Amino acid sequence: MNGMTAAHRTLPLNSIARVTNLKTGHSELLRITDRGPFVNNRIIDLSRTAALKLDVFRPGTAQVKIEVLQSPVPIDRGGRWCVQIGAFKKADDATALKDKLSQRYHAAKILQFTSPIGEDWLRVRVTDDDKQRAQALMQETHTDAGIFLVLLD
């Protein structure tokens, strides 16, 4: 929260990116240390410190430009991928979606995580090591729960 870090769904962890606030022109170098955001129409989640320095903290969101300056692995291929579907507070809701998906995808599972503000959530994930298969899975799956392609490593 206090470092110059960010979360991104598909950039390799430990990548260094220059993030520029398009409205103010301020830019900062950030390390990708987490996965997210799991909200539609958002591509990066900034730490509190990064949001303050980029003038994003008060408005909460901003149009940004992301330039990858350094990556531990190639960003255009490889890696282990999964599809994350939904985030639920109720175990019954997560289980119902997992059971529905398990009929088609045997790799569906539920993961519990704690949000930065200490709330417990459940995510349904369908893991698959192949990016093209994960992308096809996203196109085949219809849900109102929110669906995201995520790089696991």
C-alpha atoms as a PDB file:
ATOM      1  CA  MET A   1       0.000   0.000   0.000  1.00  0.00           C
ATOM      2  CA  ASN A   2       2.852   2.403   0.794  1.00  0.00           C
ATOM      3  CA  GLY A   3       5.218   1.386  -2.016  1.00  0.00           C
ATOM      4  CA  MET A   4       5.334   2.550  -5.612  1.00  0.00           C
ATOM      5  CA  THR A   5       3.443  -0.522  -6.755  1.00  0.00           C
ATOM      6  CA  ALA A   6       0.432  -1.551  -8.773  1.00  0.00           C
ATOM      7  CA  ALA A   7      -1.749  -4.530  -9.637  1.00  0.00           C
ATOM      8  CA  HIS A   8      -2.341  -5.636 -13.222  1.00  0.00           C
ATOM      9  CA  ARG A   9      -4.126  -8.729 -14.548  1.00  0.00           C
ATOM     10  CA  THR A  10      -1.733  -9.668 -17.348  1.00  0.00           C
ATOM     11  CA  LEU A  11       1.652  -7.965 -16.951  1.00  0.00           C
ATOM     12  CA  PRO A  12       4.251 -10.324 -15.445  1.00  0.00           C
ATOM     13  CA  LEU A  13       4.844  -9.826 -11.737  1.00  0.00           C
ATOM     14  CA  ASN A  14       7.891  -7.663 -10.978  1.00  0.00           C
ATOM     15  CA  SER A  15       7.585  -5.785 -14.262  1.00  0.00           C
ATOM     16  CA  ILE A  16       8.464  -2.099 -14.122  1.00  0.00           C
ATOM     17  CA  ALA A  17       6.006   0.221 -15.860  1.00  0.00           C
ATOM     18  CA  ARG A  18       5.805   3.960 -16.358  1.00  0.00           C
ATOM     19  CA  VAL A  19       2.252   5.035 -15.614  1.00  0.00           C
ATOM     20  CA  THR A  20       1.204   8.488 -16.804  1.00  0.00           C
ATOM     21  CA  ASN A  21      -1.950  10.334 -15.743  1.00  0.00           C
ATOM     22  CA  LEU A  22      -3.190  11.644 -19.100  1.00  0.00           C
ATOM     23  CA  LYS A  23      -5.023  14.595 -17.533  1.00  0.00           C
ATOM     24  CA  THR A  24      -2.135  15.947 -15.449  1.00  0.00           C
ATOM     25  CA  GLY A  25       0.852  14.553 -17.347  1.00  0.00           C
ATOM     26  CA  HIS A  26       2.401  13.249 -14.109  1.00  0.00           C
ATOM     27  CA  SER A  27       4.179   9.933 -14.481  1.00  0.00           C
ATOM     28  CA  GLU A  28       5.830   7.509 -12.082  1.00  0.00           C
ATOM     29  CA  LEU A  29       7.689   4.216 -12.300  1.00  0.00           C
ATOM     30  CA  LEU A  30       5.765   1.405 -10.611  1.00  0.00           C
ATOM     31  CA  ARG A  31       6.501  -2.253  -9.924  1.00  0.00           C
ATOM     32  CA  ILE A  32       3.724  -4.755 -10.699  1.00  0.00           C
ATOM     33  CA  THR A  33       3.377  -6.754  -7.478  1.00  0.00           C
ATOM     34  CA  ASP A  34      -0.189  -8.046  -7.496  1.00  0.00           C
ATOM     35  CA  ARG A  35      -3.111  -9.119  -9.665  1.00  0.00           C
ATOM     36  CA  GLY A  36      -6.137  -6.971 -10.320  1.00  0.00           C
ATOM     37  CA  PRO A  37      -8.161  -4.878 -10.686  1.00  0.00           C
ATOM     38  CA  PHE A  38     -11.169  -7.141 -10.939  1.00  0.00           C
ATOM     39  CA  VAL A  39     -13.527  -4.364 -11.966  1.00  0.00           C
ATOM     40  CA  ASN A  40     -14.724  -3.901 -15.533  1.00  0.00           C
ATOM     41  CA  ASN A  41     -13.268  -0.942 -17.452  1.00  0.00           C
ATOM     42  CA  ARG A  42     -10.175  -0.713 -15.232  1.00  0.00           C
ATOM     43  CA  ILE A  43      -6.744  -1.933 -16.255  1.00  0.00           C
ATOM     44  CA  ILE A  44      -4.478  -1.111 -13.307  1.00  0.00           C
ATOM     45  CA  ASP A  45      -4.853  -0.705  -9.544  1.00  0.00           C
ATOM     46  CA  LEU A  46      -2.414   1.728  -7.942  1.00  0.00           C
ATOM     47  CA  SER A  47      -1.090   1.549  -4.406  1.00  0.00           C
ATOM     48  CA  ARG A  48      -2.126   4.416  -2.146  1.00  0.00           C
ATOM     49  CA  THR A  49       1.283   6.061  -2.515  1.00  0.00           C
ATOM     50  CA  ALA A  50       1.276   5.729  -6.311  1.00  0.00           C
ATOM     51  CA  ALA A  51      -2.281   7.087  -6.526  1.00  0.00           C
ATOM     52  CA  LEU A  52      -1.281  10.129  -4.459  1.00  0.00           C
ATOM     53  CA  LYS A  53       1.783  10.851  -6.623  1.00  0.00           C
ATOM     54  CA  LEU A  54      -0.191  10.436  -9.857  1.00  0.00           C
ATOM     55  CA  ASP A  55      -3.096  12.652  -8.722  1.00  0.00           C
ATOM     56  CA  VAL A  56      -5.508   9.719  -8.849  1.00  0.00           C
ATOM     57  CA  PHE A  57      -6.177   9.302  -5.135  1.00  0.00           C
ATOM     58  CA  ARG A  58      -8.853  11.977  -4.684  1.00  0.00           C
ATOM     59  CA  PRO A  59     -10.843  11.316  -7.896  1.00  0.00           C
ATOM     60  CA  GLY A  60     -10.370   7.548  -7.507  1.00  0.00           C
ATOM     61  CA  THR A  61      -9.934   6.824 -11.222  1.00  0.00           C
ATOM     62  CA  ALA A  62      -8.173   8.425 -14.160  1.00  0.00           C
ATOM     63  CA  GLN A  63      -7.245   7.792 -17.758  1.00  0.00           C
ATOM     64  CA  VAL A  64      -3.648   6.542 -17.765  1.00  0.00           C
ATOM     65  CA  LYS A  65      -0.997   5.418 -20.194  1.00  0.00           C
ATOM     66  CA  ILE A  66       1.063   2.342 -19.262  1.00  0.00           C
ATOM     67  CA  GLU A  67       4.511   1.725 -20.747  1.00  0.00           C
ATOM     68  CA  VAL A  68       6.332  -1.468 -19.779  1.00  0.00           C
ATOM     69  CA  LEU A  69       9.996  -0.612 -19.319  1.00  0.00           C
ATOM     70  CA  GLN A  70      11.251  -3.891 -17.881  1.00  0.00           C
ATOM     71  CA  SER A  71       9.775  -7.368 -17.587  1.00  0.00           C
ATOM     72  CA  PRO A  72      11.284 -10.550 -16.131  1.00  0.00           C
ATOM     73  CA  VAL A  73       9.716 -12.585 -18.978  1.00  0.00           C
ATOM     74  CA  PRO A  74       8.369 -11.732 -22.450  1.00  0.00           C
ATOM     75  CA  ILE A  75       4.959 -10.073 -22.123  1.00  0.00           C
ATOM     76  CA  ASP A  76       3.553 -11.298 -25.430  1.00  0.00           C
ATOM     77  CA  ARG A  77       3.684 -15.034 -24.794  1.00  0.00           C
ATOM     78  CA  GLY A  78       4.232 -17.778 -22.243  1.00  0.00           C
ATOM     79  CA  GLY A  79       3.185 -17.943 -18.659  1.00  0.00           C
ATOM     80  CA  ARG A  80       0.383 -19.775 -16.913  1.00  0.00           C
ATOM     81  CA  TRP A  81      -3.069 -18.287 -17.468  1.00  0.00           C
ATOM     82  CA  CYS A  82      -6.488 -18.648 -15.909  1.00  0.00           C
ATOM     83  CA  VAL A  83      -9.938 -17.176 -16.211  1.00  0.00           C
ATOM     84  CA  GLN A  84     -11.354 -15.593 -13.079  1.00  0.00           C
ATOM     85  CA  ILE A  85     -15.101 -15.383 -12.892  1.00  0.00           C
ATOM     86  CA  GLY A  86     -16.734 -13.301 -10.213  1.00  0.00           C
ATOM     87  CA  ALA A  87     -15.911 -12.384  -6.661  1.00  0.00           C
ATOM     88  CA  PHE A  88     -18.448 -13.413  -4.070  1.00  0.00           C
ATOM     89  CA  LYS A  89     -19.050 -12.737  -0.394  1.00  0.00           C
ATOM     90  CA  LYS A  90     -21.372 -15.751  -0.023  1.00  0.00           C
ATOM     91  CA  ALA A  91     -19.912 -19.244  -0.336  1.00  0.00           C
ATOM     92  CA  ASP A  92     -23.212 -20.565  -1.740  1.00  0.00           C
ATOM     93  CA  ASP A  93     -23.020 -18.151  -4.693  1.00  0.00           C
ATOM     94  CA  ALA A  94     -19.415 -19.111  -5.477  1.00  0.00           C
ATOM     95  CA  THR A  95     -20.190 -22.825  -5.134  1.00  0.00           C
ATOM     96  CA  ALA A  96     -23.207 -22.587  -7.463  1.00  0.00           C
ATOM     97  CA  LEU A  97     -21.089 -20.959 -10.187  1.00  0.00           C
ATOM     98  CA  LYS A  98     -18.233 -23.432  -9.671  1.00  0.00           C
ATOM     99  CA  ASP A  99     -20.640 -26.374  -9.927  1.00  0.00           C
ATOM    100  CA  LYS A 100     -22.142 -24.966 -13.124  1.00  0.00           C
ATOM    101  CA  LEU A 101     -18.687 -24.423 -14.651  1.00  0.00           C
ATOM    102  CA  SER A 102     -17.386 -27.818 -13.507  1.00  0.00           C
ATOM    103  CA  GLN A 103     -19.773 -29.507 -15.921  1.00  0.00           C
ATOM    104  CA  ARG A 104     -17.678 -28.073 -18.778  1.00  0.00           C
ATOM    105  CA  TYR A 105     -14.345 -27.248 -17.117  1.00  0.00           C
ATOM    106  CA  HIS A 106     -12.888 -29.731 -14.656  1.00  0.00           C
ATOM    107  CA  ALA A 107     -10.291 -27.215 -13.489  1.00  0.00           C
ATOM    108  CA  ALA A 108     -12.868 -24.858 -11.903  1.00  0.00           C
ATOM    109  CA  LYS A 109     -12.111 -24.105  -8.269  1.00  0.00           C
ATOM    110  CA  ILE A 110     -12.892 -21.589  -5.542  1.00  0.00           C
ATOM    111  CA  LEU A 111     -10.157 -19.470  -3.956  1.00  0.00           C
ATOM    112  CA  GLN A 112     -10.620 -17.378  -0.832  1.00  0.00           C
ATOM    113  CA  PHE A 113      -8.758 -14.093  -0.516  1.00  0.00           C
ATOM    114  CA  THR A 114      -8.716 -11.093   1.767  1.00  0.00           C
ATOM    115  CA  SER A 115      -9.071  -7.651   0.219  1.00  0.00           C
ATOM    116  CA  PRO A 116      -6.699  -4.798   1.128  1.00  0.00           C
ATOM    117  CA  ILE A 117      -9.348  -3.510   3.571  1.00  0.00           C
ATOM    118  CA  GLY A 118      -9.652  -6.884   5.304  1.00  0.00           C
ATOM    119  CA  GLU A 119     -12.851  -8.249   3.716  1.00  0.00           C
ATOM    120  CA  ASP A 120     -12.990 -11.942   2.795  1.00  0.00           C
ATOM    121  CA  TRP A 121     -14.053 -12.772  -0.774  1.00  0.00           C
ATOM    122  CA  LEU A 122     -14.315 -15.895  -2.887  1.00  0.00           C
ATOM    123  CA  ARG A 123     -13.171 -16.057  -6.511  1.00  0.00           C
ATOM    124  CA  VAL A 124     -14.043 -18.774  -9.007  1.00  0.00           C
ATOM    125  CA  ARG A 125     -11.129 -19.623 -11.268  1.00  0.00           C
ATOM    126  CA  VAL A 126     -10.723 -21.950 -14.217  1.00  0.00           C
ATOM    127  CA  THR A 127      -7.031 -22.602 -14.594  1.00  0.00           C
ATOM    128  CA  ASP A 128      -5.404 -23.423 -17.875  1.00  0.00           C
ATOM    129  CA  ASP A 129      -1.730 -23.096 -18.781  1.00  0.00           C
ATOM    130  CA  ASP A 130      -2.419 -21.968 -22.342  1.00  0.00           C
ATOM    131  CA  LYS A 131      -3.298 -18.328 -23.082  1.00  0.00           C
ATOM    132  CA  GLN A 132      -5.255 -19.120 -26.251  1.00  0.00           C
ATOM    133  CA  ARG A 133      -7.347 -21.748 -24.428  1.00  0.00           C
ATOM    134  CA  ALA A 134      -8.004 -19.292 -21.583  1.00  0.00           C
ATOM    135  CA  GLN A 135      -9.082 -16.639 -24.096  1.00  0.00           C
ATOM    136  CA  ALA A 136     -11.404 -19.154 -25.791  1.00  0.00           C
ATOM    137  CA  LEU A 137     -12.856 -20.061 -22.392  1.00  0.00           C
ATOM    138  CA  MET A 138     -13.680 -16.390 -21.788  1.00  0.00           C
ATOM    139  CA  GLN A 139     -15.527 -16.176 -25.095  1.00  0.00           C
ATOM    140  CA  GLU A 140     -17.479 -19.386 -24.372  1.00  0.00           C
ATOM    141  CA  THR A 141     -18.540 -18.418 -20.852  1.00  0.00           C
ATOM    142  CA  HIS A 142     -21.493 -16.099 -20.328  1.00  0.00           C
ATOM    143  CA  THR A 143     -22.014 -14.668 -16.842  1.00  0.00           C
ATOM    144  CA  ASP A 144     -23.035 -11.465 -15.106  1.00  0.00           C
ATOM    145  CA  ALA A 145     -20.413 -12.105 -12.415  1.00  0.00           C
ATOM    146  CA  GLY A 146     -17.507 -10.409 -14.237  1.00  0.00           C
ATOM    147  CA  ILE A 147     -14.913 -12.419 -16.139  1.00  0.00           C
ATOM    148  CA  PHE A 148     -11.189 -11.657 -16.415  1.00  0.00           C
ATOM    149  CA  LEU A 149      -8.120 -13.167 -18.065  1.00  0.00           C
ATOM    150  CA  VAL A 150      -5.330 -13.393 -15.463  1.00  0.00           C
ATOM    151  CA  LEU A 151      -1.641 -14.267 -15.739  1.00  0.00           C
ATOM    152  CA  LEU A 152      -0.770 -16.530 -12.794  1.00  0.00           C
ATOM    153  CA  ASP A 153       2.992 -16.031 -12.747  1.00  0.00           C
END
